[in-house]
Amino acid sequence: MANTIEYKGYIGSIEYSPEDKCFFGKLKMIDDLVTFEATTADELENNFHNAVDEYLLTCKELNREPQKTYRGVFNVRIDPSLHKQIYKEALKAGISLNTFVQQVLKNQVLPHSA
């Protein structure tokens, strides 16, 4: 299980600083730096919610898109033998490697989205 928290579709990282005896995190999947911290779990959740709400309000006031823009392109490094096997499966299916990988990822991720 990852150390994350979610609210209104936004993901926040959660880390702990033993030196400061506090939890801290930042919003992921955005271009801006938005952080939050707390000393208890309840306070952390509340501060995370406030950080998201304030971020959305600021974006609205500035007339900007709050979410990071994704181009639909990313590089993945895999074992060459796996690459060969994936390409072989794509050929057998009669589709491109990109289409094959997209279908596999979609089948893995979308059933888990709610």
N, C-alpha and C. Protein backbone atom coordinates (compact mmCIF):
# COMPACT_ATOMS: atom_id res chain seq x y z
N MET A 1 0.84 -1.18 0.00
CA MET A 1 0.00 0.00 0.00
C MET A 1 0.89 1.24 0.00
N ALA A 2 0.60 2.14 -0.91
CA ALA A 2 1.37 3.38 -1.03
C ALA A 2 0.95 4.37 0.07
N ASN A 3 1.85 5.23 0.42
CA ASN A 3 1.55 6.27 1.41
C ASN A 3 0.96 7.48 0.72
N THR A 4 -0.32 7.36 0.39
CA THR A 4 -1.02 8.44 -0.29
C THR A 4 -2.39 8.64 0.33
N ILE A 5 -2.98 9.77 0.00
CA ILE A 5 -4.32 10.13 0.45
C ILE A 5 -5.02 10.75 -0.75
N GLU A 6 -6.33 10.60 -0.85
CA GLU A 6 -7.05 11.11 -2.01
C GLU A 6 -8.27 11.91 -1.57
N TYR A 7 -8.53 12.99 -2.32
CA TYR A 7 -9.67 13.86 -2.06
C TYR A 7 -10.00 14.61 -3.34
N LYS A 8 -11.26 14.58 -3.77
CA LYS A 8 -11.71 15.27 -4.97
C LYS A 8 -10.87 14.91 -6.19
N GLY A 9 -10.39 13.67 -6.25
CA GLY A 9 -9.60 13.22 -7.39
C GLY A 9 -8.13 13.60 -7.31
N TYR A 10 -7.71 14.25 -6.24
CA TYR A 10 -6.32 14.65 -6.08
C TYR A 10 -5.62 13.68 -5.14
N ILE A 11 -4.38 13.39 -5.45
CA ILE A 11 -3.57 12.47 -4.65
C ILE A 11 -2.51 13.29 -3.92
N GLY A 12 -2.35 12.98 -2.65
CA GLY A 12 -1.30 13.61 -1.86
C GLY A 12 -0.35 12.55 -1.34
N SER A 13 0.93 12.85 -1.34
CA SER A 13 1.91 11.94 -0.75
C SER A 13 1.86 12.10 0.76
N ILE A 14 2.26 11.06 1.49
CA ILE A 14 2.33 11.14 2.95
C ILE A 14 3.69 10.62 3.38
N GLU A 15 4.42 11.44 4.12
CA GLU A 15 5.70 11.04 4.68
C GLU A 15 5.72 11.44 6.15
N TYR A 16 6.69 10.90 6.87
CA TYR A 16 6.80 11.21 8.29
C TYR A 16 8.23 11.65 8.60
N SER A 17 8.36 12.71 9.38
CA SER A 17 9.66 13.19 9.81
C SER A 17 9.82 12.89 11.30
N PRO A 18 10.66 11.89 11.65
CA PRO A 18 10.86 11.59 13.07
C PRO A 18 11.52 12.74 13.82
N GLU A 19 12.38 13.49 13.14
CA GLU A 19 13.04 14.62 13.78
C GLU A 19 12.04 15.69 14.21
N ASP A 20 11.10 15.98 13.32
CA ASP A 20 10.10 17.02 13.59
C ASP A 20 8.83 16.46 14.23
N LYS A 21 8.73 15.12 14.26
CA LYS A 21 7.54 14.44 14.77
C LYS A 21 6.27 14.95 14.10
N CYS A 22 6.34 15.00 12.76
CA CYS A 22 5.15 15.42 12.02
C CYS A 22 5.05 14.68 10.70
N PHE A 23 3.83 14.63 10.21
CA PHE A 23 3.55 14.10 8.88
C PHE A 23 3.57 15.26 7.91
N PHE A 24 3.97 14.98 6.67
CA PHE A 24 3.94 16.02 5.65
C PHE A 24 3.73 15.38 4.29
N GLY A 25 3.33 16.19 3.34
CA GLY A 25 3.10 15.68 2.00
C GLY A 25 2.91 16.79 1.01
N LYS A 26 2.70 16.39 -0.24
CA LYS A 26 2.43 17.38 -1.28
C LYS A 26 1.45 16.79 -2.28
N LEU A 27 0.77 17.67 -2.99
CA LEU A 27 -0.16 17.23 -4.03
C LEU A 27 0.63 16.70 -5.21
N LYS A 28 0.21 15.57 -5.73
CA LYS A 28 0.83 14.97 -6.90
C LYS A 28 -0.03 15.28 -8.13
N MET A 29 0.55 15.08 -9.29
CA MET A 29 -0.15 15.21 -10.57
C MET A 29 -0.59 16.64 -10.89
N ILE A 30 0.10 17.62 -10.30
CA ILE A 30 -0.15 19.02 -10.64
C ILE A 30 1.20 19.66 -10.95
N ASP A 31 1.17 20.78 -11.64
CA ASP A 31 2.41 21.48 -11.98
C ASP A 31 2.92 22.33 -10.83
N ASP A 32 2.05 22.79 -9.95
CA ASP A 32 2.43 23.67 -8.86
C ASP A 32 2.87 22.87 -7.64
N LEU A 33 3.57 23.53 -6.73
CA LEU A 33 3.98 22.90 -5.48
C LEU A 33 2.99 23.29 -4.39
N VAL A 34 2.24 22.31 -3.90
CA VAL A 34 1.27 22.51 -2.83
C VAL A 34 1.58 21.48 -1.76
N THR A 35 1.89 21.95 -0.55
CA THR A 35 2.27 21.05 0.53
C THR A 35 1.29 21.16 1.69
N PHE A 36 1.37 20.19 2.59
CA PHE A 36 0.56 20.18 3.80
C PHE A 36 1.32 19.40 4.86
N GLU A 37 1.01 19.66 6.13
CA GLU A 37 1.66 18.94 7.23
C GLU A 37 0.75 18.90 8.43
N ALA A 38 1.08 18.01 9.39
CA ALA A 38 0.28 17.87 10.60
C ALA A 38 1.00 16.96 11.59
N THR A 39 0.51 16.94 12.81
CA THR A 39 1.10 16.07 13.83
C THR A 39 0.23 14.86 14.14
N THR A 40 -1.02 14.86 13.65
CA THR A 40 -1.91 13.70 13.83
C THR A 40 -2.52 13.31 12.50
N ALA A 41 -3.03 12.08 12.43
CA ALA A 41 -3.66 11.60 11.20
C ALA A 41 -4.89 12.42 10.84
N ASP A 42 -5.72 12.71 11.83
CA ASP A 42 -6.93 13.51 11.57
C ASP A 42 -6.58 14.91 11.06
N GLU A 43 -5.59 15.51 11.69
CA GLU A 43 -5.14 16.84 11.28
C GLU A 43 -4.54 16.80 9.87
N LEU A 44 -3.81 15.72 9.58
CA LEU A 44 -3.21 15.57 8.24
C LEU A 44 -4.30 15.51 7.17
N GLU A 45 -5.32 14.70 7.42
CA GLU A 45 -6.41 14.59 6.46
C GLU A 45 -7.12 15.92 6.28
N ASN A 46 -7.38 16.62 7.36
CA ASN A 46 -8.03 17.92 7.31
C ASN A 46 -7.16 18.93 6.55
N ASN A 47 -5.88 18.97 6.85
CA ASN A 47 -4.98 19.91 6.17
C ASN A 47 -4.82 19.57 4.69
N PHE A 48 -4.84 18.29 4.36
CA PHE A 48 -4.80 17.88 2.95
C PHE A 48 -6.05 18.37 2.22
N HIS A 49 -7.21 18.16 2.82
CA HIS A 49 -8.47 18.64 2.21
C HIS A 49 -8.43 20.15 2.01
N ASN A 50 -7.95 20.86 3.02
CA ASN A 50 -7.84 22.32 2.91
C ASN A 50 -6.88 22.73 1.80
N ALA A 51 -5.77 22.01 1.68
CA ALA A 51 -4.78 22.32 0.64
C ALA A 51 -5.39 22.14 -0.75
N VAL A 52 -6.15 21.06 -0.94
CA VAL A 52 -6.82 20.82 -2.24
C VAL A 52 -7.83 21.92 -2.51
N ASP A 53 -8.68 22.21 -1.52
CA ASP A 53 -9.72 23.23 -1.70
C ASP A 53 -9.11 24.60 -2.01
N GLU A 54 -8.05 24.97 -1.29
CA GLU A 54 -7.38 26.25 -1.54
C GLU A 54 -6.73 26.29 -2.92
N TYR A 55 -6.13 25.17 -3.30
CA TYR A 55 -5.50 25.08 -4.62
C TYR A 55 -6.55 25.27 -5.72
N LEU A 56 -7.67 24.59 -5.60
CA LEU A 56 -8.73 24.71 -6.61
C LEU A 56 -9.29 26.13 -6.66
N LEU A 57 -9.45 26.76 -5.51
CA LEU A 57 -9.94 28.14 -5.45
C LEU A 57 -8.94 29.09 -6.11
N THR A 58 -7.66 28.91 -5.82
CA THR A 58 -6.61 29.76 -6.42
C THR A 58 -6.60 29.59 -7.93
N CYS A 59 -6.69 28.33 -8.41
CA CYS A 59 -6.71 28.11 -9.86
C CYS A 59 -7.92 28.78 -10.50
N LYS A 60 -9.07 28.71 -9.84
CA LYS A 60 -10.28 29.34 -10.36
C LYS A 60 -10.09 30.86 -10.44
N GLU A 61 -9.53 31.43 -9.38
CA GLU A 61 -9.30 32.88 -9.35
C GLU A 61 -8.32 33.31 -10.43
N LEU A 62 -7.33 32.46 -10.73
CA LEU A 62 -6.33 32.78 -11.75
C LEU A 62 -6.75 32.32 -13.14
N ASN A 63 -7.94 31.70 -13.23
CA ASN A 63 -8.46 31.19 -14.50
C ASN A 63 -7.46 30.21 -15.16
N ARG A 64 -6.95 29.25 -14.35
CA ARG A 64 -6.01 28.25 -14.85
C ARG A 64 -6.55 26.85 -14.62
N GLU A 65 -6.08 25.94 -15.46
CA GLU A 65 -6.41 24.53 -15.28
C GLU A 65 -5.64 23.99 -14.09
N PRO A 66 -6.30 23.35 -13.14
CA PRO A 66 -5.59 22.85 -11.96
C PRO A 66 -4.78 21.57 -12.20
N GLN A 67 -5.27 20.69 -13.03
CA GLN A 67 -4.57 19.42 -13.24
C GLN A 67 -3.40 19.56 -14.21
N LYS A 68 -2.41 18.74 -14.00
CA LYS A 68 -1.29 18.67 -14.92
C LYS A 68 -1.81 18.11 -16.24
N THR A 69 -1.27 18.59 -17.34
CA THR A 69 -1.66 18.11 -18.66
C THR A 69 -0.77 16.93 -19.03
N TYR A 70 -1.40 15.87 -19.49
CA TYR A 70 -0.66 14.68 -19.93
C TYR A 70 -0.75 14.57 -21.43
N ARG A 71 0.40 14.28 -22.05
CA ARG A 71 0.47 14.21 -23.51
C ARG A 71 0.10 12.83 -24.04
N GLY A 72 0.09 11.83 -23.19
CA GLY A 72 -0.21 10.48 -23.65
C GLY A 72 1.03 9.76 -24.14
N VAL A 73 2.20 10.27 -23.80
CA VAL A 73 3.46 9.65 -24.21
C VAL A 73 4.34 9.48 -22.98
N PHE A 74 4.86 8.27 -22.78
CA PHE A 74 5.83 8.04 -21.72
C PHE A 74 6.73 6.88 -22.11
N ASN A 75 7.94 6.92 -21.62
CA ASN A 75 8.91 5.86 -21.91
C ASN A 75 8.94 4.86 -20.77
N VAL A 76 9.00 3.59 -21.14
CA VAL A 76 9.07 2.52 -20.15
C VAL A 76 10.26 1.65 -20.50
N ARG A 77 11.13 1.40 -19.52
CA ARG A 77 12.27 0.52 -19.74
C ARG A 77 11.92 -0.86 -19.21
N ILE A 78 12.01 -1.86 -20.09
CA ILE A 78 11.71 -3.23 -19.70
C ILE A 78 12.80 -4.16 -20.21
N ASP A 79 12.80 -5.35 -19.69
CA ASP A 79 13.75 -6.37 -20.13
C ASP A 79 13.56 -6.64 -21.62
N PRO A 80 14.62 -6.74 -22.39
CA PRO A 80 14.50 -6.97 -23.83
C PRO A 80 13.70 -8.24 -24.19
N SER A 81 13.82 -9.28 -23.38
CA SER A 81 13.06 -10.51 -23.69
C SER A 81 11.55 -10.27 -23.48
N LEU A 82 11.19 -9.47 -22.51
CA LEU A 82 9.79 -9.12 -22.31
C LEU A 82 9.29 -8.26 -23.47
N HIS A 83 10.10 -7.30 -23.90
CA HIS A 83 9.77 -6.46 -25.04
C HIS A 83 9.46 -7.34 -26.26
N LYS A 84 10.32 -8.32 -26.51
CA LYS A 84 10.14 -9.23 -27.64
C LYS A 84 8.83 -10.01 -27.51
N GLN A 85 8.54 -10.52 -26.32
CA GLN A 85 7.32 -11.29 -26.10
C GLN A 85 6.07 -10.43 -26.28
N ILE A 86 6.13 -9.20 -25.78
CA ILE A 86 4.98 -8.29 -25.94
C ILE A 86 4.74 -7.99 -27.41
N TYR A 87 5.83 -7.74 -28.14
CA TYR A 87 5.69 -7.46 -29.57
C TYR A 87 5.11 -8.67 -30.31
N LYS A 88 5.54 -9.86 -29.91
CA LYS A 88 5.04 -11.09 -30.51
C LYS A 88 3.53 -11.22 -30.29
N GLU A 89 3.09 -10.91 -29.07
CA GLU A 89 1.66 -10.98 -28.75
C GLU A 89 0.86 -9.94 -29.55
N ALA A 90 1.43 -8.78 -29.74
CA ALA A 90 0.78 -7.74 -30.54
C ALA A 90 0.64 -8.19 -31.99
N LEU A 91 1.70 -8.78 -32.52
CA LEU A 91 1.63 -9.29 -33.90
C LEU A 91 0.55 -10.35 -34.04
N LYS A 92 0.48 -11.28 -33.08
CA LYS A 92 -0.53 -12.34 -33.13
C LYS A 92 -1.94 -11.76 -33.04
N ALA A 93 -2.09 -10.66 -32.33
CA ALA A 93 -3.40 -10.01 -32.20
C ALA A 93 -3.71 -9.12 -33.40
N GLY A 94 -2.71 -8.90 -34.24
CA GLY A 94 -2.92 -8.08 -35.43
C GLY A 94 -3.01 -6.59 -35.14
N ILE A 95 -2.35 -6.16 -34.05
CA ILE A 95 -2.38 -4.75 -33.68
C ILE A 95 -0.96 -4.24 -33.43
N SER A 96 -0.83 -2.93 -33.36
CA SER A 96 0.49 -2.35 -33.11
C SER A 96 0.90 -2.60 -31.66
N LEU A 97 2.19 -2.47 -31.41
CA LEU A 97 2.71 -2.60 -30.05
C LEU A 97 2.07 -1.57 -29.13
N ASN A 98 1.94 -0.32 -29.59
CA ASN A 98 1.32 0.72 -28.78
C ASN A 98 -0.12 0.37 -28.43
N THR A 99 -0.89 -0.10 -29.40
CA THR A 99 -2.28 -0.46 -29.14
C THR A 99 -2.37 -1.62 -28.16
N PHE A 100 -1.49 -2.61 -28.32
CA PHE A 100 -1.48 -3.75 -27.42
C PHE A 100 -1.19 -3.31 -25.98
N VAL A 101 -0.15 -2.51 -25.80
CA VAL A 101 0.22 -2.05 -24.46
C VAL A 101 -0.90 -1.19 -23.87
N GLN A 102 -1.51 -0.34 -24.68
CA GLN A 102 -2.61 0.50 -24.20
C GLN A 102 -3.77 -0.37 -23.72
N GLN A 103 -4.10 -1.43 -24.48
CA GLN A 103 -5.20 -2.30 -24.09
C GLN A 103 -4.90 -3.03 -22.78
N VAL A 104 -3.67 -3.51 -22.63
CA VAL A 104 -3.29 -4.21 -21.40
C VAL A 104 -3.37 -3.25 -20.20
N LEU A 105 -2.84 -2.06 -20.37
CA LEU A 105 -2.88 -1.08 -19.27
C LEU A 105 -4.32 -0.69 -18.94
N LYS A 106 -5.12 -0.48 -19.97
CA LYS A 106 -6.53 -0.10 -19.75
C LYS A 106 -7.27 -1.20 -19.00
N ASN A 107 -7.03 -2.46 -19.38
CA ASN A 107 -7.68 -3.59 -18.71
C ASN A 107 -7.23 -3.71 -17.25
N GLN A 108 -6.01 -3.32 -16.97
CA GLN A 108 -5.48 -3.40 -15.61
C GLN A 108 -5.96 -2.24 -14.74
N VAL A 109 -6.02 -1.04 -15.31
CA VAL A 109 -6.29 0.16 -14.51
C VAL A 109 -7.77 0.50 -14.42
N LEU A 110 -8.48 0.50 -15.52
CA LEU A 110 -9.86 0.98 -15.52
C LEU A 110 -10.81 0.18 -14.65
N PRO A 111 -10.69 -1.15 -14.55
CA PRO A 111 -11.60 -1.86 -13.65
C PRO A 111 -11.41 -1.45 -12.19
N HIS A 112 -10.24 -0.91 -11.85
CA HIS A 112 -9.95 -0.51 -10.47
C HIS A 112 -10.34 0.93 -10.19
N SER A 113 -10.66 1.69 -11.23
CA SER A 113 -11.05 3.10 -11.03
C SER A 113 -12.51 3.16 -10.63
N ALA A 114 -12.78 4.09 -9.77
CA ALA A 114 -14.20 4.23 -9.37
C ALA A 114 -14.62 5.67 -9.44
